[in-house]
Amino acid sequence: MKTIGILGMGYVGIPLALRISETGSKVIGFDVVHERIEVLNSGRSPIKHFSDTDVARMVNSSFEGTTDFSRAAECDALLICVPTPLDRSREPDLSFVIATMDTIAPYLRAGQLLSLESTTWPGTSEEVLLPYVTRAGLEVGENFFLVYSPEREDPGNQKFDTRSIPKIVGGHTPACLAAGKELYGEFIDVVVPVSSTRAAEMVKLLENIHRSVNIGLVNELKVVADAMNLDIFEIIDAAKTKPFGFTAYYPGPGIGGHCIPIDPFYLTWKAREFGLHTRFIELAGEINAAMPQYVVDKTIRALNDVGKSLKGAKVLALGIAYKRDVDDMRESPSVFVMELLREWGAEVQYSDPNVPHFPKMREHSFELSSVDLTPETLTDFDVVLLLTDHRDFEYETIVEHAKLVIDTRGKFPNAENVRRA
């Protein structure tokens, strides 16, 4: 029986552990956050869309969480699932990957497979991970195997799970690729091999750049349609009836999550090494990053139409997670909107059934708890902003009782108190 080590027990590591434990392999989950390991070992889930029942089953099966990274030596395979954010200069931040490798380097041994799943630029496995292996005196492709296999998690998606999402695998050598295919094939239905770790790293970036560019396009079209007094959501819904050549993307208050706002800049940064300027990608990033300000501008104009100023106005933000029906706050555009509103002097509150208290974040801070949505609550606010369209919201009640609604998701019908943004 193999022992699989998962380094980083978050939105990527937990579903991997859940799936691998189902196959009977022993799973050791590593994390530097003691509280998270304690929660997992007690059979509880630290993330909303993974149930306590599933985590308890995993713990009772073959899972053990630990903060003792020396136990990496026990593992036949080590899967790195740590964050790869951007730094303050909007350049790649591999500090979590490097810290992980620094920690496990003394415990690398012959016979192990090392796989990076975190998003990064093409060449990371060779340039960053490989030197640790060679310094340990191991021969990659002979007695040690290095692969890159990008995560493809979509929090809250009920149609696909870790097992059913095809898994890209690239190896540093043919032997590494064979070992990677064998490992992932034990718990993933379809494994898709590519020619190298660099190719696999580029696949991940292409997937998310594709989304970023198309969302940027439709966000720009939203602004144009609004100027023409057209409903962009009506336009998109009509266009997607075409049975070929069109894929529907929808606008919003910006883009969020751990991938789309970040991953494209890994490629733009690496492209500069080759003297290339990725104008298309960067333009999409600029458009998407401007959406929170666009929402605030629309709010200012809507309040002005009813004789009110944003300064001193009571504003309720509906939904602060980055996407529907999850509690994931990473890079949420809702938070950027809330900060802009606060800068304008608005009194900002929020309501989100998935985020009862505003969490501690690296760059954002609000001392707030979620407001219960009642008719009395809604009528108390000067304006209500729909930022994340959770299914738990009672949209009919909201539009009936809110004085003014700013709709960034196309969820409300045309009404006298509704403005699109």
Protein backbone atom coordinates (compact mmCIF):
# COMPACT_ATOMS: atom_id res chain seq x y z
CA MET A 1 0.00 0.00 0.00
CA LYS A 2 1.36 3.40 -1.01
CA THR A 3 1.64 6.31 1.39
CA ILE A 4 0.79 9.62 -0.26
CA GLY A 5 1.82 12.90 1.33
CA ILE A 6 -0.17 16.04 0.51
CA LEU A 7 1.60 19.26 1.36
CA GLY A 8 -0.99 22.00 1.94
CA MET A 9 -4.43 21.04 3.21
CA GLY A 10 -6.58 23.70 1.60
CA TYR A 11 -8.98 23.98 -1.32
CA VAL A 12 -6.79 21.67 -3.45
CA GLY A 13 -5.22 19.39 -0.85
CA ILE A 14 -8.43 18.40 0.93
CA PRO A 15 -10.32 17.08 -2.13
CA LEU A 16 -7.19 15.19 -3.20
CA ALA A 17 -6.94 13.61 0.24
CA LEU A 18 -10.64 12.73 0.21
CA ARG A 19 -10.32 10.98 -3.13
CA ILE A 20 -7.03 9.17 -2.49
CA SER A 21 -8.25 7.86 0.87
CA GLU A 22 -11.14 6.18 -0.96
CA THR A 23 -8.65 3.97 -2.82
CA GLY A 24 -7.15 2.54 0.37
CA SER A 25 -3.81 4.30 0.14
CA LYS A 26 -2.56 5.89 3.34
CA VAL A 27 -2.68 9.68 3.18
CA ILE A 28 -0.60 12.03 5.32
CA GLY A 29 -1.78 15.62 5.12
CA PHE A 30 0.83 18.25 5.95
CA ASP A 31 0.12 21.86 6.88
CA VAL A 32 1.85 24.60 8.86
CA VAL A 33 -1.46 25.74 10.39
CA HIS A 34 -1.90 23.69 13.57
CA GLU A 35 -5.57 24.63 13.94
CA ARG A 36 -6.42 23.28 10.49
CA ILE A 37 -4.72 19.96 11.18
CA GLU A 38 -6.56 19.66 14.51
CA VAL A 39 -9.90 20.30 12.80
CA LEU A 40 -9.20 17.70 10.11
CA ASN A 41 -7.96 15.05 12.56
CA SER A 42 -11.14 15.53 14.59
CA GLY A 43 -13.18 14.60 11.51
CA ARG A 44 -14.47 18.09 10.80
CA SER A 45 -14.20 20.12 7.61
CA PRO A 46 -12.58 23.58 7.67
CA ILE A 47 -14.16 24.43 4.29
CA LYS A 48 -17.89 24.74 3.66
CA HIS A 49 -18.33 22.68 0.51
CA PHE A 50 -16.61 19.63 2.01
CA SER A 51 -18.89 17.95 4.53
CA ASP A 52 -17.93 16.83 8.02
CA THR A 53 -19.25 13.39 7.09
CA ASP A 54 -16.79 13.09 4.20
CA VAL A 55 -13.86 14.29 6.30
CA ALA A 56 -14.76 11.91 9.16
CA ARG A 57 -14.91 9.02 6.68
CA MET A 58 -11.47 10.03 5.35
CA VAL A 59 -9.97 10.13 8.86
CA ASN A 60 -11.50 6.78 9.78
CA SER A 61 -10.19 5.28 6.54
CA SER A 62 -6.53 6.12 6.01
CA PHE A 63 -5.87 9.81 6.65
CA GLU A 64 -3.70 11.49 9.23
CA GLY A 65 -2.90 15.18 9.39
CA THR A 66 0.37 16.49 10.79
CA THR A 67 2.58 19.54 11.13
CA ASP A 68 5.67 17.32 11.38
CA PHE A 69 7.25 17.59 7.94
CA SER A 70 9.96 15.06 8.78
CA ARG A 71 7.29 12.46 8.08
CA ALA A 72 7.71 13.26 4.40
CA ALA A 73 10.32 10.50 4.49
CA GLU A 74 7.49 7.99 5.05
CA CYS A 75 5.76 8.97 1.81
CA ASP A 76 6.09 7.21 -1.54
CA ALA A 77 4.71 10.32 -3.28
CA LEU A 78 4.66 13.96 -2.25
CA LEU A 79 2.03 16.25 -3.82
CA ILE A 80 2.60 19.98 -3.29
CA CYS A 81 -0.66 21.95 -3.10
CA VAL A 82 0.38 25.30 -1.61
CA PRO A 83 -0.62 28.83 -2.72
CA THR A 84 1.24 30.63 -5.50
CA PRO A 85 -0.02 34.24 -5.21
CA LEU A 86 1.36 37.48 -6.60
CA ASP A 87 3.49 39.84 -4.56
CA ARG A 88 2.82 43.57 -4.12
CA SER A 89 4.52 44.24 -7.46
CA ARG A 90 2.15 41.81 -9.21
CA GLU A 91 4.99 39.37 -9.82
CA PRO A 92 4.97 35.62 -9.02
CA ASP A 93 5.40 34.74 -5.36
CA LEU A 94 6.77 31.20 -4.98
CA SER A 95 7.63 31.68 -1.32
CA PHE A 96 5.20 28.97 -0.21
CA VAL A 97 6.62 26.46 -2.70
CA ILE A 98 10.20 27.33 -1.76
CA ALA A 99 9.44 27.16 1.97
CA THR A 100 7.86 23.75 1.46
CA MET A 101 10.88 22.46 -0.46
CA ASP A 102 13.27 23.89 2.14
CA THR A 103 11.33 22.00 4.81
CA ILE A 104 11.11 18.61 3.11
CA ALA A 105 14.53 18.66 1.40
CA PRO A 106 16.27 16.67 4.19
CA TYR A 107 13.65 13.93 3.89
CA LEU A 108 13.70 13.30 0.14
CA ARG A 109 14.76 9.73 -0.59
CA ALA A 110 15.18 7.23 -3.39
CA GLY A 111 11.97 5.78 -4.79
CA GLN A 112 9.82 8.85 -4.17
CA LEU A 113 7.71 10.81 -6.66
CA LEU A 114 7.43 14.58 -6.24
CA SER A 115 4.56 16.41 -7.95
CA LEU A 116 3.84 20.12 -7.94
CA GLU A 117 0.13 20.91 -8.37
CA SER A 118 0.25 24.66 -7.69
CA THR A 119 -0.11 27.02 -10.64
CA THR A 120 3.17 28.49 -11.84
CA TRP A 121 5.18 29.57 -14.87
CA PRO A 122 6.59 27.12 -17.45
CA GLY A 123 9.96 25.99 -16.17
CA THR A 124 9.31 26.06 -12.43
CA SER A 125 9.68 22.31 -11.90
CA GLU A 126 13.06 22.34 -13.64
CA GLU A 127 14.32 25.65 -12.29
CA VAL A 128 13.05 25.52 -8.70
CA LEU A 129 12.27 21.93 -7.68
CA LEU A 130 14.88 19.95 -9.60
CA PRO A 131 17.90 21.54 -7.83
CA TYR A 132 16.59 20.31 -4.45
CA VAL A 133 16.47 16.77 -5.79
CA THR A 134 19.95 16.86 -7.31
CA ARG A 135 21.42 18.39 -4.13
CA ALA A 136 19.97 15.40 -2.25
CA GLY A 137 22.12 13.14 -4.43
CA LEU A 138 19.12 11.62 -6.22
CA GLU A 139 18.92 10.81 -9.94
CA VAL A 140 15.71 12.09 -11.51
CA GLY A 141 14.27 9.46 -13.82
CA GLU A 142 16.37 6.74 -12.21
CA ASN A 143 15.65 6.56 -8.47
CA PHE A 144 13.47 9.65 -8.08
CA PHE A 145 10.57 10.95 -10.17
CA LEU A 146 9.61 14.59 -10.77
CA VAL A 147 6.28 15.53 -12.36
CA TYR A 148 3.97 18.50 -12.69
CA SER A 149 0.21 17.92 -12.54
CA PRO A 150 -1.88 21.10 -12.25
CA GLU A 151 -4.88 21.19 -9.96
CA ARG A 152 -8.25 21.61 -11.64
CA GLU A 153 -10.52 22.12 -8.67
CA ASP A 154 -13.69 24.17 -9.08
CA PRO A 155 -15.12 24.85 -5.60
CA GLY A 156 -18.85 24.30 -5.39
CA ASN A 157 -19.16 22.61 -8.80
CA GLN A 158 -21.59 19.72 -8.35
CA LYS A 159 -21.09 18.27 -11.84
CA PHE A 160 -17.43 17.32 -11.51
CA ASP A 161 -15.26 16.02 -8.69
CA THR A 162 -11.58 15.21 -8.26
CA ARG A 163 -12.01 11.68 -9.64
CA SER A 164 -13.92 12.67 -12.79
CA ILE A 165 -11.86 15.73 -13.84
CA PRO A 166 -9.15 14.60 -16.31
CA LYS A 167 -5.65 15.05 -14.87
CA ILE A 168 -2.81 16.59 -16.85
CA VAL A 169 0.59 15.03 -16.08
CA GLY A 170 4.00 16.04 -17.41
CA GLY A 171 7.27 14.37 -16.38
CA HIS A 172 10.86 15.59 -16.33
CA THR A 173 11.86 12.36 -18.12
CA PRO A 174 9.89 9.56 -19.80
CA ALA A 175 10.34 7.45 -16.67
CA CYS A 176 8.98 10.31 -14.56
CA LEU A 177 5.95 10.60 -16.83
CA ALA A 178 5.32 6.84 -16.58
CA ALA A 179 5.50 7.03 -12.79
CA GLY A 180 3.17 10.02 -12.72
CA LYS A 181 0.62 8.32 -14.96
CA GLU A 182 0.71 5.22 -12.77
CA LEU A 183 0.24 7.21 -9.55
CA TYR A 184 -2.59 9.48 -10.69
CA GLY A 185 -4.24 6.65 -12.60
CA GLU A 186 -4.90 4.93 -9.29
CA PHE A 187 -7.40 7.58 -8.20
CA ILE A 188 -8.26 9.69 -11.30
CA ASP A 189 -10.45 8.23 -14.07
CA VAL A 190 -8.62 9.91 -17.00
CA VAL A 191 -4.94 10.88 -17.02
CA VAL A 192 -3.79 13.10 -19.89
CA PRO A 193 -0.02 12.89 -20.48
CA VAL A 194 1.94 15.76 -22.04
CA SER A 195 5.53 15.92 -23.23
CA SER A 196 7.17 17.69 -20.27
CA THR A 197 6.67 19.47 -16.99
CA ARG A 198 6.95 22.76 -18.89
CA ALA A 199 4.10 21.77 -21.21
CA ALA A 200 1.92 20.80 -18.24
CA GLU A 201 2.68 24.12 -16.53
CA MET A 202 1.67 25.96 -19.70
CA VAL A 203 -1.60 23.98 -19.97
CA LYS A 204 -2.73 25.30 -16.60
CA LEU A 205 -1.97 28.89 -17.58
CA LEU A 206 -3.77 28.53 -20.91
CA GLU A 207 -6.91 27.24 -19.19
CA ASN A 208 -7.14 30.22 -16.87
CA ILE A 209 -5.95 32.85 -19.35
CA HIS A 210 -8.74 31.65 -21.66
CA ARG A 211 -11.26 32.43 -18.94
CA SER A 212 -9.67 35.73 -17.96
CA VAL A 213 -9.61 37.05 -21.53
CA ASN A 214 -13.21 36.03 -22.26
CA ILE A 215 -14.47 37.50 -18.99
CA GLY A 216 -12.55 40.68 -19.78
CA LEU A 217 -14.22 40.80 -23.19
CA VAL A 218 -17.72 40.40 -21.82
CA ASN A 219 -17.05 42.92 -19.03
CA GLU A 220 -16.04 45.46 -21.66
CA LEU A 221 -19.13 44.63 -23.71
CA LYS A 222 -21.23 45.14 -20.58
CA VAL A 223 -20.01 48.73 -20.35
CA VAL A 224 -20.73 49.32 -24.05
CA ALA A 225 -24.19 47.73 -23.84
CA ASP A 226 -25.04 49.82 -20.79
CA ALA A 227 -24.12 53.01 -22.64
CA MET A 228 -26.48 51.92 -25.41
CA ASN A 229 -29.25 51.15 -22.90
CA LEU A 230 -29.04 47.42 -23.66
CA ASP A 231 -29.17 44.54 -21.18
CA ILE A 232 -25.96 42.53 -21.64
CA PHE A 233 -27.49 39.50 -19.88
CA GLU A 234 -30.35 39.42 -22.37
CA ILE A 235 -27.83 39.69 -25.21
CA ILE A 236 -25.69 36.82 -23.91
CA ASP A 237 -28.65 34.52 -23.24
CA ALA A 238 -29.89 35.08 -26.79
CA ALA A 239 -26.44 34.57 -28.32
CA LYS A 240 -25.86 31.25 -26.53
CA THR A 241 -28.81 29.71 -28.35
CA LYS A 242 -26.45 29.42 -31.32
CA PRO A 243 -25.50 25.72 -31.27
CA PHE A 244 -21.93 26.25 -32.50
CA GLY A 245 -19.11 28.77 -32.34
CA PHE A 246 -20.21 30.57 -29.17
CA THR A 247 -19.53 29.95 -25.47
CA ALA A 248 -21.35 32.08 -22.91
CA TYR A 249 -19.28 34.04 -20.41
CA TYR A 250 -21.00 36.40 -18.00
CA PRO A 251 -19.87 39.77 -16.61
CA GLY A 252 -19.67 40.67 -12.95
CA PRO A 253 -18.08 43.05 -10.45
CA GLY A 254 -14.62 41.73 -11.28
CA ILE A 255 -12.86 38.38 -11.10
CA GLY A 256 -11.85 36.41 -8.03
CA GLY A 257 -10.49 33.14 -6.74
CA HIS A 258 -7.00 31.71 -6.64
CA CYS A 259 -6.61 31.32 -10.42
CA ILE A 260 -8.09 33.82 -12.86
CA PRO A 261 -6.92 37.09 -11.24
CA ILE A 262 -3.42 35.67 -10.67
CA ASP A 263 -2.36 32.99 -13.14
CA PRO A 264 -2.19 35.14 -16.31
CA PHE A 265 0.45 37.32 -14.69
CA TYR A 266 2.70 34.27 -14.19
CA LEU A 267 2.92 34.01 -17.97
CA THR A 268 3.28 37.75 -18.62
CA TRP A 269 6.16 37.81 -16.12
CA LYS A 270 7.90 34.81 -17.70
CA ALA A 271 7.30 36.12 -21.24
CA ARG A 272 9.43 39.19 -20.47
CA GLU A 273 12.42 36.86 -20.11
CA PHE A 274 12.00 36.15 -23.82
CA GLY A 275 11.54 39.81 -24.77
CA LEU A 276 7.80 39.38 -25.30
CA HIS A 277 4.95 41.63 -24.20
CA THR A 278 1.62 39.82 -23.68
CA ARG A 279 -0.65 42.75 -24.54
CA PHE A 280 -3.88 40.79 -24.97
CA ILE A 281 -3.57 39.10 -21.58
CA GLU A 282 -2.62 42.29 -19.77
CA LEU A 283 -5.47 44.26 -21.36
CA ALA A 284 -7.98 41.69 -20.12
CA GLY A 285 -6.45 41.99 -16.66
CA GLU A 286 -6.80 45.77 -16.73
CA ILE A 287 -10.47 45.57 -17.78
CA ASN A 288 -11.33 43.02 -15.10
CA ALA A 289 -9.46 44.95 -12.42
CA ALA A 290 -11.46 48.10 -13.31
CA MET A 291 -14.84 46.47 -12.69
CA PRO A 292 -15.09 47.19 -8.94
CA GLN A 293 -14.68 50.91 -9.65
CA TYR A 294 -17.29 50.65 -12.42
CA VAL A 295 -19.75 49.15 -9.93
CA VAL A 296 -19.08 51.95 -7.45
CA ASP A 297 -19.50 54.60 -10.16
CA LYS A 298 -22.87 53.09 -11.10
CA THR A 299 -23.85 53.10 -7.43
CA ILE A 300 -22.93 56.77 -7.09
CA ARG A 301 -25.04 57.68 -10.12
CA ALA A 302 -27.99 55.56 -8.96
CA LEU A 303 -27.98 57.21 -5.54
CA ASN A 304 -27.65 60.62 -7.14
CA ASP A 305 -30.78 59.92 -9.21
CA VAL A 306 -32.76 59.55 -5.98
CA GLY A 307 -31.19 62.61 -4.38
CA LYS A 308 -28.64 60.87 -2.15
CA SER A 309 -24.87 60.96 -1.77
CA LEU A 310 -22.69 57.88 -1.39
CA LYS A 311 -20.97 59.56 1.54
CA GLY A 312 -22.95 58.58 4.61
CA ALA A 313 -25.19 56.20 2.68
CA LYS A 314 -26.02 52.82 4.20
CA VAL A 315 -24.88 50.17 1.72
CA LEU A 316 -25.48 46.42 1.93
CA ALA A 317 -23.19 44.15 -0.11
CA LEU A 318 -24.88 40.86 -1.00
CA GLY A 319 -22.32 38.07 -1.31
CA ILE A 320 -18.64 38.51 -0.48
CA ALA A 321 -17.28 35.09 -1.51
CA TYR A 322 -15.61 35.16 -4.91
CA LYS A 323 -18.16 32.83 -6.51
CA ARG A 324 -21.62 31.40 -5.97
CA ASP A 325 -22.37 29.04 -3.06
CA VAL A 326 -18.85 28.81 -1.58
CA ASP A 327 -17.10 30.40 1.40
CA ASP A 328 -13.88 31.07 -0.53
CA MET A 329 -12.80 34.71 -0.18
CA ARG A 330 -9.55 34.64 -2.17
CA GLU A 331 -9.24 37.69 -4.42
CA SER A 332 -12.99 38.32 -4.14
CA PRO A 333 -14.01 41.40 -6.16
CA SER A 334 -16.71 42.04 -3.55
CA VAL A 335 -14.03 43.03 -1.06
CA PHE A 336 -12.52 45.54 -3.48
CA VAL A 337 -15.98 47.04 -4.02
CA MET A 338 -16.51 47.27 -0.26
CA GLU A 339 -13.18 49.01 0.23
CA LEU A 340 -13.95 51.58 -2.47
CA LEU A 341 -17.34 52.24 -0.89
CA ARG A 342 -15.69 52.72 2.49
CA GLU A 343 -13.19 55.16 0.98
CA TRP A 344 -16.14 57.21 -0.34
CA GLY A 345 -17.53 57.44 3.19
CA ALA A 346 -20.33 54.91 2.86
CA GLU A 347 -21.49 52.85 5.84
CA VAL A 348 -20.90 49.34 4.52
CA GLN A 349 -22.41 46.09 5.77
CA TYR A 350 -22.65 42.69 4.08
CA SER A 351 -24.84 39.62 3.94
CA ASP A 352 -23.47 36.23 2.91
CA PRO A 353 -24.95 32.91 4.11
CA ASN A 354 -21.60 31.20 3.50
CA VAL A 355 -19.39 33.71 5.34
CA PRO A 356 -20.89 34.45 8.77
CA HIS A 357 -17.95 36.62 9.85
CA PHE A 358 -15.55 38.59 7.69
CA PRO A 359 -12.36 36.49 7.77
CA LYS A 360 -8.80 37.56 8.42
CA MET A 361 -7.20 38.32 5.07
CA ARG A 362 -3.66 39.27 4.16
CA GLU A 363 -4.57 42.59 2.55
CA HIS A 364 -8.16 43.37 3.59
CA SER A 365 -9.81 44.06 6.92
CA PHE A 366 -13.43 44.58 7.98
CA GLU A 367 -14.78 44.06 11.49
CA LEU A 368 -18.13 42.82 10.26
CA SER A 369 -20.54 39.90 10.54
CA SER A 370 -23.16 38.86 8.03
CA VAL A 371 -26.48 40.70 8.26
CA ASP A 372 -29.66 38.62 8.29
CA LEU A 373 -31.83 39.44 5.29
CA THR A 374 -35.30 40.41 6.45
CA PRO A 375 -37.77 42.89 4.96
CA GLU A 376 -36.97 45.28 7.82
CA THR A 377 -33.21 44.94 7.24
CA LEU A 378 -33.52 45.54 3.52
CA THR A 379 -35.62 48.69 3.89
CA ASP A 380 -33.06 50.10 6.33
CA PHE A 381 -30.36 50.38 3.64
CA ASP A 382 -30.16 53.13 1.05
CA VAL A 383 -28.85 50.73 -1.56
CA VAL A 384 -28.27 46.97 -1.88
CA LEU A 385 -25.47 45.69 -4.14
CA LEU A 386 -25.70 42.15 -5.50
CA LEU A 387 -22.07 41.09 -5.90
CA THR A 388 -22.16 37.29 -5.56
CA ASP A 389 -25.33 35.51 -6.66
CA HIS A 390 -25.71 32.78 -4.02
CA ARG A 391 -28.67 30.47 -4.52
CA ASP A 392 -29.70 30.96 -0.89
CA PHE A 393 -30.68 34.58 -1.49
CA GLU A 394 -34.43 35.19 -1.79
CA TYR A 395 -34.32 37.49 -4.79
CA GLU A 396 -38.04 38.23 -4.85
CA THR A 397 -37.93 39.41 -1.24
CA ILE A 398 -34.85 41.53 -1.92
CA VAL A 399 -36.28 43.38 -4.90
CA GLU A 400 -39.63 43.83 -3.14
CA HIS A 401 -38.22 45.50 -0.03
CA ALA A 402 -34.93 47.15 -1.06
CA LYS A 403 -35.13 50.85 -1.83
CA LEU A 404 -32.49 50.56 -4.56
CA VAL A 405 -30.72 47.50 -6.02
CA ILE A 406 -27.46 47.47 -7.97
CA ASP A 407 -27.39 44.18 -9.90
CA THR A 408 -23.96 43.03 -11.12
CA ARG A 409 -25.08 39.47 -11.90
CA GLY A 410 -28.27 39.81 -13.93
CA LYS A 411 -30.42 38.07 -11.32
CA PHE A 412 -33.17 40.65 -10.94
CA PRO A 413 -35.93 41.45 -13.44
CA ASN A 414 -36.27 44.94 -14.83
CA ALA A 415 -37.87 46.99 -12.07
CA GLU A 416 -38.07 50.63 -11.09
CA ASN A 417 -35.62 50.13 -8.18
CA VAL A 418 -33.09 47.95 -10.07
CA ARG A 419 -30.00 49.24 -11.86
CA ARG A 420 -27.57 47.03 -13.80
CA ALA A 421 -23.83 47.34 -13.14
